């Protein structure tokens, strides 16, 4: 069904249309998948070899920041092998019994996708070791001295695990994956391809320079690129009187300004952190907890959501004495650089 053929004034149909659009955005094959060329080549070899040998593919671990396509790649692994897909998540598996129920119901050749696999309960992780290696699990029957272990054979399956924090996976679990893929952030040309495809599916006319503007503000992440494109679509729709509008560079800049996304892709929280660091603390050094309290957020949110991007684009440094603003931060915010005591301020990874 064409997205534009639906009566979007009907709330139920509008919701169905958005869900259909979300599903359609996901590529169905490795050939359609944009970016991650090295990972695509490695996966293609793994899947083709398994098909030629008529066996289930090795277990796969997909590691990388959110929004780069881990779930989509898991769906492609199942689709390209013509295999059913079962989806779950680490936080949903809090007991060994939860995992046993999933594993015992798998059919031969099924692909089991576990998102955020590092957040599984430890007892479930230990059960997974045996399941991945020997396709069996041990079920404890009874309690106390009379308890016995009953082995249960499983159908051969392929586990696809996704994690945003591979370092939190225990070594015994990480070593049982036959292939580990590390997904990288996208460059601007790849993001333009992602946006061009999404714009066609939305029926949105958009200029090349407008696509480039969105691609430069989405943090190298396709998920963010598609979200910003939809906000641009909304802006063009509203300002064209409800008709299918066309987004030019001016419309894109106006829409992204409305939604607090600046030229570097910084959002409201990013700018709040940087403003506090630059103006209140003179560029630092400032401790993580002090920054978090100053902007009214949890320290974990600042560390996991805000900092990685700010460090990657060179606006802040993580030092032994705290967070320090880099010279690029002063320039971006149009402020005069203050003298800061950053003696031995070498970037490190554990603060």
Protein backbone atom coordinates (compact mmCIF):
# COMPACT_ATOMS: atom_id res chain seq x y z
CA UNK A 1 0.00 0.00 0.00
CA UNK A 2 1.29 3.45 -0.85
CA UNK A 3 1.83 5.56 2.25
CA UNK A 4 0.26 8.55 0.48
CA UNK A 5 -2.93 6.65 -0.42
CA UNK A 6 -4.07 6.39 3.20
CA UNK A 7 -6.52 8.79 4.79
CA UNK A 8 -4.22 10.17 7.48
CA UNK A 9 -7.08 12.13 9.05
CA UNK A 10 -8.25 8.79 10.50
CA UNK A 11 -6.10 8.28 13.66
CA UNK A 12 -6.21 4.47 13.41
CA UNK A 13 -5.16 4.47 9.76
CA UNK A 14 -2.49 7.08 10.46
CA UNK A 15 -1.01 4.89 13.18
CA UNK A 16 -1.04 1.87 10.85
CA UNK A 17 0.64 3.95 8.18
CA UNK A 18 3.47 5.00 10.50
CA UNK A 19 4.00 1.40 11.61
CA UNK A 20 4.05 0.25 8.00
CA UNK A 21 6.54 2.98 7.19
CA UNK A 22 8.79 1.93 10.08
CA UNK A 23 8.78 -1.65 8.82
CA UNK A 24 9.33 -0.65 5.20
CA UNK A 25 12.35 1.47 6.16
CA UNK A 26 14.25 -1.63 7.24
CA UNK A 27 16.19 -3.22 4.34
CA UNK A 28 15.28 -6.83 3.63
CA UNK A 29 18.66 -7.97 2.31
CA UNK A 30 22.35 -7.23 2.69
CA UNK A 31 22.32 -5.73 -0.82
CA UNK A 32 19.73 -3.14 0.25
CA UNK A 33 21.55 -2.36 3.50
CA UNK A 34 23.46 0.92 3.27
CA UNK A 35 26.81 1.32 5.02
CA UNK A 36 28.82 -1.10 7.16
CA UNK A 37 30.45 -2.53 4.04
CA UNK A 38 33.00 -4.64 5.92
CA UNK A 39 30.38 -6.16 8.20
CA UNK A 40 28.07 -6.83 5.24
CA UNK A 41 30.84 -8.70 3.42
CA UNK A 42 31.66 -10.78 6.47
CA UNK A 43 28.02 -11.63 7.11
CA UNK A 44 27.44 -12.52 3.46
CA UNK A 45 30.33 -14.99 3.56
CA UNK A 46 29.10 -16.54 6.81
CA UNK A 47 25.53 -16.98 5.55
CA UNK A 48 26.52 -18.28 2.12
CA UNK A 49 28.90 -20.85 3.61
CA UNK A 50 26.19 -22.08 5.99
CA UNK A 51 23.73 -22.37 3.10
CA UNK A 52 26.18 -24.35 0.97
CA UNK A 53 26.84 -26.73 3.85
CA UNK A 54 23.14 -26.93 4.74
CA UNK A 55 23.71 -26.05 8.38
CA UNK A 56 22.65 -23.30 10.74
CA UNK A 57 24.94 -20.24 10.64
CA UNK A 58 27.33 -19.64 13.53
CA UNK A 59 26.16 -17.50 16.43
CA UNK A 60 26.57 -13.78 15.74
CA UNK A 61 27.29 -10.88 18.09
CA UNK A 62 26.49 -7.37 16.82
CA UNK A 63 28.16 -4.63 18.86
CA UNK A 64 27.90 -0.88 18.46
CA UNK A 65 26.07 2.29 19.49
CA UNK A 66 22.26 2.49 19.26
CA UNK A 67 20.58 3.19 15.92
CA UNK A 68 23.20 1.74 13.55
CA UNK A 69 21.20 -1.27 12.33
CA UNK A 70 21.77 -4.19 14.71
CA UNK A 71 18.11 -5.22 14.79
CA UNK A 72 17.83 -4.81 11.02
CA UNK A 73 20.87 -7.04 10.46
CA UNK A 74 19.35 -9.72 12.71
CA UNK A 75 16.19 -9.64 10.59
CA UNK A 76 18.28 -9.91 7.43
CA UNK A 77 20.14 -12.96 8.79
CA UNK A 78 16.79 -14.71 9.21
CA UNK A 79 15.32 -13.46 5.94
CA UNK A 80 18.29 -14.35 3.74
CA UNK A 81 18.41 -17.88 5.13
CA UNK A 82 14.64 -18.31 4.86
CA UNK A 83 14.48 -19.00 8.59
CA UNK A 84 11.95 -17.96 11.24
CA UNK A 85 12.95 -15.22 13.67
CA UNK A 86 12.29 -15.08 17.41
CA UNK A 87 12.95 -11.73 19.11
CA UNK A 88 13.58 -11.03 22.77
CA UNK A 89 15.71 -8.72 24.92
CA UNK A 90 18.15 -9.05 27.78
CA UNK A 91 16.04 -7.12 30.34
CA UNK A 92 13.11 -9.51 29.64
CA UNK A 93 15.22 -12.57 30.53
CA UNK A 94 15.69 -12.21 34.28
CA UNK A 95 15.60 -15.91 35.24
CA UNK A 96 17.04 -19.08 33.78
CA UNK A 97 13.48 -20.35 33.41
CA UNK A 98 12.64 -17.44 31.07
CA UNK A 99 15.47 -18.46 28.74
CA UNK A 100 14.65 -22.17 29.02
CA UNK A 101 11.07 -21.49 27.89
CA UNK A 102 12.33 -19.60 24.82
CA UNK A 103 15.03 -22.13 23.88
CA UNK A 104 12.83 -25.20 24.29
CA UNK A 105 10.21 -23.79 21.91
CA UNK A 106 12.61 -23.00 19.03
CA UNK A 107 12.14 -24.88 15.78
CA UNK A 108 15.13 -26.28 13.83
CA UNK A 109 17.14 -23.51 12.14
CA UNK A 110 15.33 -20.66 13.91
CA UNK A 111 17.17 -17.39 14.51
CA UNK A 112 16.93 -16.13 18.09
CA UNK A 113 17.64 -12.40 18.43
CA UNK A 114 18.40 -11.07 21.92
CA UNK A 115 18.75 -7.30 22.07
CA UNK A 116 20.86 -5.72 24.83
CA UNK A 117 22.16 -9.21 25.60
CA UNK A 118 24.56 -7.82 28.23
CA UNK A 119 21.56 -7.10 30.47
CA UNK A 120 20.49 -10.74 30.85
CA UNK A 121 20.46 -12.29 34.30
CA UNK A 122 23.67 -14.12 35.21
CA UNK A 123 21.84 -17.44 35.70
CA UNK A 124 20.42 -17.16 32.17
CA UNK A 125 23.88 -16.37 30.76
CA UNK A 126 25.28 -19.53 32.30
CA UNK A 127 22.47 -21.60 30.81
CA UNK A 128 23.19 -20.04 27.43
CA UNK A 129 26.79 -21.32 27.42
CA UNK A 130 25.74 -24.96 27.06
CA UNK A 131 22.88 -24.12 24.71
CA UNK A 132 25.18 -22.30 22.28
CA UNK A 133 27.85 -25.01 22.25
CA UNK A 134 25.94 -28.29 22.47
CA UNK A 135 22.32 -27.30 21.74
CA UNK A 136 21.09 -28.62 25.07
CA UNK A 137 20.26 -27.29 28.50
CA UNK A 138 20.07 -28.88 31.94
CA UNK A 139 16.80 -28.48 33.81
CA UNK A 140 16.85 -28.86 37.59
CA UNK A 141 13.93 -30.95 38.89
CA UNK A 142 13.11 -30.96 42.57
CA UNK A 143 14.76 -29.15 45.45
CA UNK A 144 17.39 -29.79 48.07
CA UNK A 145 19.17 -33.15 48.30
CA UNK A 146 16.63 -34.77 46.00
CA UNK A 147 17.14 -32.33 43.12
CA UNK A 148 18.26 -33.88 39.84
CA UNK A 149 19.48 -32.43 36.56
CA UNK A 150 17.56 -33.49 33.47
CA UNK A 151 19.23 -32.77 30.10
CA UNK A 152 16.96 -31.33 27.41
CA UNK A 153 18.08 -31.40 23.77
CA UNK A 154 17.39 -28.28 21.71
CA UNK A 155 16.78 -27.80 18.01
CA UNK A 156 19.84 -26.32 16.24
CA UNK A 157 19.47 -22.54 16.21
CA UNK A 158 21.44 -19.38 15.49
CA UNK A 159 21.74 -16.83 18.27
CA UNK A 160 22.13 -13.21 17.19
CA UNK A 161 23.02 -11.05 20.16
CA UNK A 162 23.09 -7.25 20.06
CA UNK A 163 24.82 -5.04 22.58
CA UNK A 164 25.70 -1.39 22.96
CA UNK A 165 28.27 -2.26 25.65
CA UNK A 166 30.28 -5.29 24.55
CA UNK A 167 32.70 -4.80 27.44
CA UNK A 168 29.96 -5.84 29.90
CA UNK A 169 29.61 -9.28 28.34
CA UNK A 170 31.43 -11.99 30.31
CA UNK A 171 34.30 -13.57 28.38
CA UNK A 172 32.79 -17.10 28.36
CA UNK A 173 29.70 -15.78 26.59
CA UNK A 174 31.56 -13.51 24.18
CA UNK A 175 33.91 -16.35 23.17
CA UNK A 176 31.02 -18.61 22.18
CA UNK A 177 29.97 -16.36 19.31
CA UNK A 178 31.41 -17.56 16.02
CA UNK A 179 31.44 -14.04 14.59
CA UNK A 180 31.51 -10.61 16.23
CA UNK A 181 30.64 -7.55 14.15
CA UNK A 182 31.53 -4.04 15.34
CA UNK A 183 29.24 -1.48 13.71
CA UNK A 184 30.67 1.96 13.01
CA UNK A 185 29.04 5.37 12.70
CA UNK A 186 27.96 6.30 9.16
CA UNK A 187 29.65 8.91 7.03
CA UNK A 188 27.71 11.72 5.39
CA UNK A 189 27.42 10.13 1.93
CA UNK A 190 25.98 6.92 3.42
CA UNK A 191 23.48 8.89 5.46
CA UNK A 192 22.39 10.78 2.35
CA UNK A 193 21.61 7.42 0.70
CA UNK A 194 19.58 6.37 3.75
CA UNK A 195 17.68 9.66 3.72
CA UNK A 196 17.07 9.60 -0.03
CA UNK A 197 15.46 6.16 0.23
CA UNK A 198 13.33 7.20 3.22
CA UNK A 199 12.23 10.41 1.46
CA UNK A 200 11.04 8.38 -1.53
CA UNK A 201 9.02 6.13 0.75
CA UNK A 202 7.51 9.17 2.46
CA UNK A 203 6.66 10.73 -0.88
CA UNK A 204 8.64 13.80 0.16
CA UNK A 205 10.36 15.90 -2.46
CA UNK A 206 13.65 17.12 -1.05
CA UNK A 207 16.64 18.93 -2.51
CA UNK A 208 20.11 17.40 -2.52
CA UNK A 209 21.55 20.17 -0.33
CA UNK A 210 18.66 19.68 2.10
CA UNK A 211 19.51 15.97 2.38
CA UNK A 212 23.14 16.88 3.04
CA UNK A 213 22.05 19.32 5.77
CA UNK A 214 20.10 16.59 7.60
CA UNK A 215 22.94 14.10 7.12
CA UNK A 216 25.33 16.53 8.80
CA UNK A 217 23.13 16.90 11.88
CA UNK A 218 22.21 13.31 12.73
CA UNK A 219 25.30 12.16 14.66
CA UNK A 220 26.28 9.55 12.06
CA UNK A 221 23.20 7.49 13.02
CA UNK A 222 20.52 6.32 10.53
CA UNK A 223 17.83 6.10 13.21
CA UNK A 224 18.30 9.78 14.07
CA UNK A 225 18.46 10.67 10.37
CA UNK A 226 15.07 9.05 9.70
CA UNK A 227 13.56 10.72 12.76
CA UNK A 228 14.75 14.17 11.68
CA UNK A 229 13.49 13.53 8.14
CA UNK A 230 10.00 12.89 9.47
CA UNK A 231 10.07 16.14 11.40
CA UNK A 232 11.12 17.94 8.22
CA UNK A 233 8.26 16.16 6.43
CA UNK A 234 5.84 17.44 9.08
CA UNK A 235 7.18 20.98 8.75
CA UNK A 236 6.87 20.93 4.95
CA UNK A 237 3.34 19.50 5.21
CA UNK A 238 2.14 22.14 7.67
CA UNK A 239 3.70 25.07 5.82
CA UNK A 240 2.33 23.95 2.46
CA UNK A 241 -1.25 24.08 3.68
CA UNK A 242 -1.70 20.32 4.14
CA UNK A 243 -0.56 19.39 0.68
CA UNK A 244 2.45 17.21 -0.09
CA UNK A 245 5.17 19.81 0.32
CA UNK A 246 8.74 20.00 -0.90
CA UNK A 247 11.57 20.45 1.55
CA UNK A 248 14.32 22.81 0.51
CA UNK A 249 17.37 23.87 2.51
CA UNK A 250 15.47 26.70 4.21
CA UNK A 251 12.68 24.37 5.34
CA UNK A 252 15.17 21.86 6.74
CA UNK A 253 17.03 24.51 8.71
CA UNK A 254 13.80 26.00 10.05
CA UNK A 255 12.45 22.59 11.07
CA UNK A 256 15.64 21.53 12.83
CA UNK A 257 15.91 24.86 14.60
CA UNK A 258 12.35 24.38 15.83
CA UNK A 259 13.32 20.99 17.25
CA UNK A 260 16.54 22.31 18.86
CA UNK A 261 19.00 20.47 16.62
CA UNK A 262 21.95 22.70 15.78
CA UNK A 263 24.49 22.59 12.94
CA UNK A 264 26.62 19.95 14.68
CA UNK A 265 23.63 17.82 15.67
CA UNK A 266 23.66 18.96 19.30
CA UNK A 267 20.26 18.80 20.98
CA UNK A 268 18.92 20.61 24.04
CA UNK A 269 20.64 18.36 26.59
CA UNK A 270 23.97 18.45 24.76
CA UNK A 271 23.91 22.24 24.71
CA UNK A 272 22.85 22.38 28.36
CA UNK A 273 25.85 20.29 29.37
CA UNK A 274 28.24 22.34 27.24
CA UNK A 275 26.81 25.68 28.42
CA UNK A 276 27.20 24.65 32.08
CA UNK A 277 30.75 23.44 31.44
CA UNK A 278 31.79 26.57 29.54
CA UNK A 279 29.97 29.39 31.32
CA UNK A 280 29.56 28.23 34.90
CA UNK A 281 32.78 26.25 35.29
CA UNK A 282 35.03 28.11 32.86
CA UNK A 283 35.67 25.07 30.73
CA UNK A 284 36.49 22.66 33.55
CA UNK A 285 37.77 20.35 34.82
CA UNK A 286 34.37 19.32 36.24
CA UNK A 287 33.34 15.98 37.70
CA UNK A 288 30.61 13.91 36.05
CA UNK A 289 28.27 14.04 39.05
CA UNK A 290 28.59 17.82 39.30
CA UNK A 291 27.70 18.20 35.63
CA UNK A 292 24.73 15.85 36.00
CA UNK A 293 23.33 17.70 39.02
CA UNK A 294 23.82 21.05 37.28
CA UNK A 295 21.64 20.04 34.31
CA UNK A 296 19.14 18.03 36.35
CA UNK A 297 19.93 14.65 34.78
CA UNK A 298 21.26 11.33 36.01
CA UNK A 299 25.02 10.86 35.78
CA UNK A 300 24.45 7.63 33.84
CA UNK A 301 22.45 9.53 31.22
CA UNK A 302 25.22 12.08 30.75
CA UNK A 303 27.88 9.37 30.52
CA UNK A 304 26.02 6.98 28.22
CA UNK A 305 23.93 9.33 26.04
CA UNK A 306 25.57 12.76 25.92
CA UNK A 307 29.31 12.31 26.41
CA UNK A 308 30.13 9.76 23.68
CA UNK A 309 29.00 12.13 20.93
CA UNK A 310 30.62 15.22 22.49
CA UNK A 311 33.91 13.35 22.86
CA UNK A 312 33.71 11.94 19.33
CA UNK A 313 33.29 15.36 17.71
CA UNK A 314 36.02 16.88 19.87
CA UNK A 315 34.03 19.25 22.11
CA UNK A 316 35.05 17.78 25.46
CA UNK A 317 37.84 15.67 26.91
CA UNK A 318 37.58 13.14 29.72
CA UNK A 319 40.57 13.66 32.00
CA UNK A 320 41.78 12.29 35.35
CA UNK A 321 40.51 15.48 37.02
CA UNK A 322 37.14 15.69 35.26
CA UNK A 323 35.55 16.90 32.02
CA UNK A 324 37.31 19.67 30.14
CA UNK A 325 36.01 21.74 27.21
CA UNK A 326 38.15 21.50 24.08
CA UNK A 327 39.04 24.63 22.04
CA UNK A 328 36.45 23.61 19.40
CA UNK A 329 33.71 23.95 22.04
CA UNK A 330 34.56 27.59 22.72
CA UNK A 331 34.53 28.32 18.99
CA UNK A 332 31.23 26.54 18.36
CA UNK A 333 29.46 28.46 21.13
CA UNK A 334 31.07 31.76 20.17
CA UNK A 335 32.76 32.29 23.52
CA UNK A 336 36.26 33.43 24.46
CA UNK A 337 38.36 30.60 25.81
CA UNK A 338 39.11 30.90 29.52
CA UNK A 339 42.33 29.78 31.08
CA UNK A 340 41.68 26.41 32.71
CA UNK A 341 43.93 24.34 34.91
CA UNK A 342 44.14 21.15 32.89
CA UNK A 343 47.61 20.01 33.87
CA UNK A 344 48.10 16.39 32.83
CA UNK A 345 44.61 16.44 31.30
CA UNK A 346 45.05 13.37 29.13
CA UNK A 347 41.89 11.70 27.74
CA UNK A 348 41.03 8.45 29.50
CA UNK A 349 38.14 6.03 29.21
CA UNK A 350 37.14 5.15 32.76
CA UNK A 351 35.90 8.44 34.22
